[in-house]
Amino acid sequence: MARFFKRAPAPDDAGEAVAPASLEPTRRLRELKPDPDRIGIAASVPFVRLPEPASLFADRAARLRKVAPGHPLAGYLGLLAQVAEAQAQVQAALPPPPPESGANLALRLENGMPPLSRHGIEASGAFAACLDGLLARLDLAGAPEPARIALDALRAATPEDRLDLAIQVHEGAIPVERLAECVFVAAALQVLMAGQAARLDTKALKPVADGVCPCCGGAPVASLIVGWTPADKARYLACSLCGTLWNHVRIRCTACGSGEGVSYYGLDEVSKDVQVETCTTCHSYIKHLHQHRDPSLDPIADDVASYGLDLKIAEDGFRRAGLNLLFVT
């Protein structure tokens, strides 16, 4: 039987340690007096880390290949590995995407909006090139029938239909009847948006809102405790769309911003470096990955691989705060 255990913040490593059953997690949080340098909110910690498209998708493919064998979702993880490998090939073959106009970027930033918008998808043929490249490189002969049907449907779709679907995915309004197609559309969008985000000026980026990517406005797929200099053990949210990482205060809900009622849970069957962070204020949760202990952890791959955590925490009435565009359930 799966054993579900609760964790609560501890000041010794600014991470999560098993909480005594006699202590309420909210009480532990009130007693905690975090050192800002240890929870990733010191002035020296970069607000944003832009994606590195040249390695992002290849590293993700390698992680998916590693976690797939023997996993209950091995078939789907293998499919996503194929998708990530195709993303890496498309990214390497395509020229850098054209940047949005300087005037548009400045206007959006001045008004507290993410600099990248849907206009970067509509205004050029960059998305079409990304999707065409992806469809040309994917061979799903051994994949489940729904995946093959979805791929064939996209190949037969008109450019207008493909673009309309891309806009829906970008805005998070994913049509339920086309979920399988949206996986491939989202994969193409990730290639496009990662390329666009990588060319932004980090100094110009500003916080937008809780749980909103400061580059493209996408939702986070997971929360990471990173291990790179100068942000060792700082917390970053990983964008599900463009792959940007942005700093977020630890022990605070990524959805509503509350610092009350935040707890951490894990499963014996899942790596101790992958947990869920829950908030009893808004009853949401997000995956919490200790990348500083295991640098190979990937927000997309390990979110799928830890699906057992989603199933278990949903039983307690929590809803997902983030979004994995390659695993919409």
Protein backbone atom coordinates (compact mmCIF):
# COMPACT_ATOMS: atom_id res chain seq x y z
CA MET A 1 0.00 0.00 0.00
CA ALA A 2 1.26 3.48 -0.86
CA ARG A 3 2.27 5.52 2.14
CA PHE A 4 1.53 9.22 1.85
CA PHE A 5 3.62 11.34 4.18
CA LYS A 6 3.53 15.01 5.10
CA ARG A 7 6.45 17.34 5.26
CA ALA A 8 6.74 20.84 6.69
CA PRO A 9 9.42 23.52 6.25
CA ALA A 10 12.46 23.37 8.47
CA PRO A 11 14.99 26.17 8.91
CA ASP A 12 18.06 23.93 8.91
CA ASP A 13 18.27 23.51 5.13
CA ALA A 14 15.50 25.86 3.99
CA GLY A 15 13.83 22.82 2.51
CA GLU A 16 11.37 20.26 3.78
CA ALA A 17 11.86 17.91 6.72
CA VAL A 18 9.38 15.40 8.07
CA ALA A 19 7.08 17.14 10.52
CA PRO A 20 6.19 15.51 13.84
CA ALA A 21 2.61 14.28 13.72
CA SER A 22 1.80 16.31 16.83
CA LEU A 23 2.48 19.61 15.09
CA GLU A 24 0.08 21.28 12.70
CA PRO A 25 1.90 22.42 9.51
CA THR A 26 0.47 25.95 9.82
CA ARG A 27 1.81 26.23 13.37
CA ARG A 28 5.24 25.14 12.20
CA LEU A 29 5.12 27.80 9.49
CA ARG A 30 4.24 30.54 11.98
CA GLU A 31 7.15 29.51 14.17
CA LEU A 32 9.57 29.51 11.23
CA LYS A 33 11.64 32.66 10.76
CA PRO A 34 13.32 32.08 7.41
CA ASP A 35 16.64 33.63 6.54
CA PRO A 36 16.10 35.39 3.17
CA ASP A 37 19.53 34.31 1.94
CA ARG A 38 18.51 30.67 2.47
CA ILE A 39 15.10 30.73 0.78
CA GLY A 40 16.05 32.48 -2.44
CA ILE A 41 14.87 36.06 -2.01
CA ALA A 42 18.20 37.80 -1.45
CA ALA A 43 19.04 40.69 -3.77
CA SER A 44 21.84 38.66 -5.39
CA VAL A 45 19.45 36.01 -6.68
CA PRO A 46 18.50 36.61 -10.35
CA PHE A 47 14.79 37.18 -10.86
CA VAL A 48 14.73 35.30 -14.15
CA ARG A 49 16.74 32.61 -15.86
CA LEU A 50 15.95 32.48 -19.56
CA PRO A 51 15.69 29.12 -21.34
CA GLU A 52 18.60 27.65 -23.28
CA PRO A 53 16.86 26.11 -26.31
CA ALA A 54 20.04 24.46 -27.58
CA SER A 55 20.05 22.08 -24.60
CA LEU A 56 16.53 22.32 -23.14
CA PHE A 57 14.80 19.74 -25.31
CA ALA A 58 17.72 17.34 -25.68
CA ASP A 59 18.16 17.23 -21.90
CA ARG A 60 14.42 16.65 -21.48
CA ALA A 61 14.47 13.78 -23.96
CA ALA A 62 17.33 12.17 -22.05
CA ARG A 63 15.45 12.48 -18.77
CA LEU A 64 12.30 10.97 -20.27
CA ARG A 65 14.30 8.05 -21.62
CA LYS A 66 15.80 7.51 -18.18
CA VAL A 67 12.56 7.48 -16.18
CA ALA A 68 10.45 5.50 -18.68
CA PRO A 69 11.71 1.90 -18.21
CA GLY A 70 9.50 -0.03 -15.79
CA HIS A 71 7.23 2.97 -15.15
CA PRO A 72 3.42 2.49 -15.26
CA LEU A 73 3.35 5.32 -17.83
CA ALA A 74 6.34 3.98 -19.76
CA GLY A 75 4.49 4.13 -23.08
CA TYR A 76 3.55 7.77 -22.70
CA LEU A 77 6.94 8.77 -21.32
CA GLY A 78 8.51 7.10 -24.35
CA LEU A 79 6.18 9.02 -26.66
CA LEU A 80 7.14 12.30 -24.98
CA ALA A 81 10.81 11.37 -25.37
CA GLN A 82 10.23 11.09 -29.11
CA VAL A 83 8.50 14.47 -29.07
CA ALA A 84 11.34 16.08 -27.11
CA GLU A 85 13.92 14.61 -29.49
CA ALA A 86 11.97 16.04 -32.42
CA GLN A 87 11.77 19.40 -30.64
CA ALA A 88 15.56 19.41 -30.26
CA GLN A 89 16.00 18.66 -33.97
CA VAL A 90 13.54 21.36 -35.02
CA GLN A 91 15.17 23.89 -32.72
CA ALA A 92 18.59 23.14 -34.17
CA ALA A 93 17.41 23.37 -37.79
CA LEU A 94 15.34 26.54 -37.62
CA PRO A 95 16.75 30.07 -37.73
CA PRO A 96 16.15 32.19 -34.60
CA PRO A 97 12.49 33.31 -34.50
CA PRO A 98 11.92 36.94 -35.42
CA PRO A 99 11.59 39.14 -32.33
CA GLU A 100 8.42 41.04 -31.62
CA SER A 101 8.56 44.74 -32.42
CA GLY A 102 10.41 46.88 -29.90
CA ALA A 103 7.42 49.19 -29.59
CA ASN A 104 5.10 46.31 -28.73
CA LEU A 105 7.53 44.92 -26.16
CA ALA A 106 7.99 48.31 -24.51
CA LEU A 107 4.24 48.94 -24.39
CA ARG A 108 3.54 45.59 -22.76
CA LEU A 109 6.30 46.00 -20.21
CA GLU A 110 5.15 49.51 -19.32
CA ASN A 111 1.69 48.17 -18.59
CA GLY A 112 2.86 45.29 -16.41
CA MET A 113 2.29 42.62 -19.07
CA PRO A 114 4.60 39.83 -20.24
CA PRO A 115 6.58 40.99 -23.28
CA LEU A 116 5.74 37.93 -25.41
CA SER A 117 2.18 37.68 -26.67
CA ARG A 118 0.01 35.74 -29.09
CA HIS A 119 0.93 38.27 -31.78
CA GLY A 120 4.35 36.64 -31.99
CA ILE A 121 2.55 33.46 -33.05
CA GLU A 122 0.12 35.09 -35.47
CA ALA A 123 2.35 37.67 -37.14
CA SER A 124 4.94 35.39 -38.70
CA GLY A 125 5.25 31.95 -40.18
CA ALA A 126 7.50 30.85 -37.32
CA PHE A 127 4.87 28.68 -35.64
CA ALA A 128 3.96 26.98 -38.91
CA ALA A 129 7.65 26.20 -39.47
CA CYS A 130 7.98 24.74 -35.97
CA LEU A 131 4.89 22.55 -36.33
CA ASP A 132 5.77 21.43 -39.86
CA GLY A 133 9.26 20.51 -38.69
CA LEU A 134 7.90 18.59 -35.74
CA LEU A 135 5.32 16.67 -37.80
CA ALA A 136 7.97 15.78 -40.39
CA ARG A 137 10.33 14.35 -37.78
CA LEU A 138 7.85 12.31 -35.74
CA ASP A 139 7.50 8.64 -36.63
CA LEU A 140 4.84 7.15 -34.38
CA ALA A 141 4.51 3.78 -36.03
CA GLY A 142 4.73 2.02 -32.67
CA ALA A 143 2.77 4.60 -30.69
CA PRO A 144 -0.79 4.17 -29.36
CA GLU A 145 -3.52 4.63 -31.95
CA PRO A 146 -4.88 7.93 -30.49
CA ALA A 147 -1.44 9.53 -30.93
CA ARG A 148 -1.19 8.37 -34.54
CA ILE A 149 -4.72 9.58 -35.30
CA ALA A 150 -3.97 12.98 -33.76
CA LEU A 151 -0.76 13.33 -35.76
CA ASP A 152 -2.55 12.45 -38.99
CA ALA A 153 -5.33 14.93 -38.17
CA LEU A 154 -2.79 17.74 -37.72
CA ARG A 155 -1.02 16.84 -40.92
CA ALA A 156 -4.34 17.09 -42.78
CA ALA A 157 -5.46 20.31 -41.02
CA THR A 158 -5.43 23.66 -42.77
CA PRO A 159 -2.89 26.32 -41.73
CA GLU A 160 -5.77 28.38 -40.33
CA ASP A 161 -7.02 25.50 -38.20
CA ARG A 162 -3.52 24.78 -36.88
CA LEU A 163 -3.00 28.44 -35.98
CA ASP A 164 -6.38 28.64 -34.26
CA LEU A 165 -5.51 25.59 -32.19
CA ALA A 166 -2.14 27.13 -31.30
CA ILE A 167 -3.84 30.30 -30.05
CA GLN A 168 -6.20 28.22 -27.88
CA VAL A 169 -3.28 26.28 -26.40
CA HIS A 170 -1.33 29.50 -25.80
CA GLU A 171 -4.27 30.96 -23.92
CA GLY A 172 -4.86 27.80 -21.89
CA ALA A 173 -8.27 27.19 -23.48
CA ILE A 174 -7.47 23.66 -24.62
CA PRO A 175 -10.41 21.98 -26.39
CA VAL A 176 -11.15 18.68 -24.69
CA GLU A 177 -12.10 16.93 -27.92
CA ARG A 178 -8.64 17.69 -29.38
CA LEU A 179 -6.40 16.97 -26.40
CA ALA A 180 -4.14 14.58 -28.32
CA GLU A 181 -3.58 17.07 -31.13
CA CYS A 182 -2.84 19.79 -28.60
CA VAL A 183 0.16 17.84 -27.28
CA PHE A 184 1.92 18.23 -30.64
CA VAL A 185 0.76 21.83 -31.06
CA ALA A 186 2.03 22.65 -27.58
CA ALA A 187 5.37 21.01 -28.40
CA ALA A 188 5.74 23.25 -31.45
CA LEU A 189 4.76 26.29 -29.40
CA GLN A 190 7.39 25.40 -26.79
CA VAL A 191 10.09 25.45 -29.45
CA LEU A 192 8.90 28.81 -30.78
CA MET A 193 8.39 30.46 -27.39
CA ALA A 194 11.64 29.17 -25.90
CA GLY A 195 13.50 30.72 -28.84
CA GLN A 196 11.71 34.03 -28.39
CA ALA A 197 12.16 34.09 -24.61
CA ALA A 198 15.88 33.31 -24.90
CA ARG A 199 16.39 36.62 -26.73
CA LEU A 200 14.75 38.86 -24.14
CA ASP A 201 16.61 41.28 -21.89
CA THR A 202 16.43 39.93 -18.34
CA LYS A 203 16.97 43.40 -16.91
CA ALA A 204 13.69 44.60 -18.44
CA LEU A 205 11.56 41.76 -17.06
CA LYS A 206 9.34 42.36 -14.04
CA PRO A 207 6.96 40.26 -11.92
CA VAL A 208 3.49 40.06 -13.44
CA ALA A 209 1.34 38.15 -10.93
CA ASP A 210 1.48 35.01 -8.80
CA GLY A 211 1.83 31.97 -11.02
CA VAL A 212 2.33 33.95 -14.24
CA CYS A 213 5.49 33.72 -16.36
CA PRO A 214 7.09 37.17 -16.68
CA CYS A 215 8.16 36.36 -20.25
CA CYS A 216 5.11 34.85 -21.96
CA GLY A 217 2.33 34.80 -19.36
CA GLY A 218 2.28 31.01 -19.22
CA ALA A 219 1.42 28.96 -16.15
CA PRO A 220 4.13 27.14 -14.20
CA VAL A 221 4.47 23.40 -14.61
CA ALA A 222 6.45 22.95 -11.39
CA SER A 223 8.43 24.59 -8.61
CA LEU A 224 12.19 23.96 -8.54
CA ILE A 225 14.76 24.32 -5.80
CA VAL A 226 17.83 24.99 -7.93
CA GLY A 227 21.49 24.35 -7.31
CA TRP A 228 23.26 26.74 -9.67
CA THR A 229 25.31 29.78 -8.72
CA PRO A 230 24.35 32.36 -7.51
CA ALA A 231 20.91 30.96 -6.73
CA ASP A 232 21.80 27.83 -4.77
CA LYS A 233 18.67 26.55 -2.96
CA ALA A 234 16.57 29.40 -4.31
CA ARG A 235 13.10 28.60 -5.58
CA TYR A 236 12.09 29.10 -9.18
CA LEU A 237 8.91 28.38 -11.09
CA ALA A 238 9.28 26.72 -14.50
CA CYS A 239 7.07 27.99 -17.32
CA SER A 240 5.10 25.29 -19.09
CA LEU A 241 5.24 27.18 -22.37
CA CYS A 242 8.56 28.99 -22.91
CA GLY A 243 10.71 27.22 -20.32
CA THR A 244 11.69 30.38 -18.45
CA LEU A 245 12.49 30.07 -14.74
CA TRP A 246 11.47 32.89 -12.42
CA ASN A 247 12.19 33.37 -8.73
CA HIS A 248 9.36 32.88 -6.26
CA VAL A 249 9.48 33.21 -2.48
CA ARG A 250 9.60 29.84 -0.76
CA ILE A 251 6.87 28.69 1.62
CA ARG A 252 4.33 30.78 -0.26
CA CYS A 253 1.53 29.54 -2.51
CA THR A 254 2.24 30.05 -6.19
CA ALA A 255 -1.46 30.45 -6.97
CA CYS A 256 -2.84 32.81 -4.30
CA GLY A 257 0.32 34.12 -2.65
CA SER A 258 -0.67 33.00 0.84
CA GLY A 259 2.00 31.88 3.28
CA GLU A 260 -0.50 30.18 5.59
CA GLY A 261 -1.41 26.52 5.37
CA VAL A 262 1.45 25.56 3.04
CA SER A 263 2.55 21.92 3.41
CA TYR A 264 4.59 19.39 1.46
CA TYR A 265 3.72 15.78 0.70
CA GLY A 266 5.43 12.84 -0.91
CA LEU A 267 4.97 9.18 -1.73
CA ASP A 268 7.29 6.32 -0.89
CA GLU A 269 6.98 5.14 -4.50
CA VAL A 270 8.13 8.53 -5.83
CA SER A 271 11.59 10.02 -5.42
CA LYS A 272 12.08 11.97 -2.19
CA ASP A 273 13.25 14.82 -4.42
CA VAL A 274 9.79 15.16 -5.97
CA GLN A 275 6.92 16.35 -3.75
CA VAL A 276 3.75 18.40 -3.94
CA GLU A 277 3.30 21.75 -2.25
CA THR A 278 -0.28 22.27 -1.07
CA CYS A 279 -2.12 25.38 0.08
CA THR A 280 -5.18 25.10 2.34
CA THR A 281 -6.08 28.74 1.64
CA CYS A 282 -6.98 28.17 -2.02
CA HIS A 283 -6.82 24.34 -2.02
CA SER A 284 -4.31 24.21 -4.85
CA TYR A 285 -1.07 22.32 -5.29
CA ILE A 286 2.03 22.33 -7.47
CA LYS A 287 4.87 19.86 -7.92
CA HIS A 288 8.00 20.73 -5.93
CA LEU A 289 11.29 19.40 -7.33
CA HIS A 290 14.60 19.44 -5.43
CA GLN A 291 16.83 19.96 -8.43
CA HIS A 292 19.71 21.04 -6.19
CA ARG A 293 19.90 17.43 -4.98
CA ASP A 294 19.27 15.83 -8.37
CA PRO A 295 20.25 18.15 -11.27
CA SER A 296 18.77 15.73 -13.82
CA LEU A 297 15.21 16.47 -12.67
CA ASP A 298 13.17 18.09 -15.43
CA PRO A 299 9.91 19.95 -14.69
CA ILE A 300 8.01 18.46 -17.64
CA ALA A 301 9.39 14.92 -17.49
CA ASP A 302 9.30 14.47 -13.75
CA ASP A 303 5.85 15.99 -13.47
CA VAL A 304 4.54 13.21 -15.71
CA ALA A 305 6.64 10.56 -14.00
CA SER A 306 5.23 11.55 -10.58
CA TYR A 307 1.58 11.36 -11.64
CA GLY A 308 0.86 9.13 -8.64
CA LEU A 309 1.26 12.23 -6.47
CA ASP A 310 -1.45 14.02 -8.48
CA LEU A 311 -3.86 11.13 -8.03
CA LYS A 312 -3.24 10.93 -4.31
CA ILE A 313 -3.43 14.64 -3.51
CA ALA A 314 -6.60 15.04 -5.61
CA GLU A 315 -8.30 12.60 -3.25
CA ASP A 316 -7.92 15.24 -0.53
CA GLY A 317 -9.69 17.89 -2.61
CA PHE A 318 -6.71 19.83 -3.94
CA ARG A 319 -6.66 21.10 -7.53
CA ARG A 320 -3.63 21.63 -9.69
CA ALA A 321 -2.34 25.21 -9.76
CA GLY A 322 0.09 24.69 -12.62
CA LEU A 323 -0.17 23.24 -16.10
CA ASN A 324 1.75 20.67 -18.10
CA LEU A 325 0.91 21.28 -21.74
CA LEU A 326 2.21 17.84 -22.69
CA PHE A 327 0.13 16.04 -20.08
CA VAL A 328 -3.31 17.63 -19.85
CA THR A 329 -5.65 15.24 -18.04
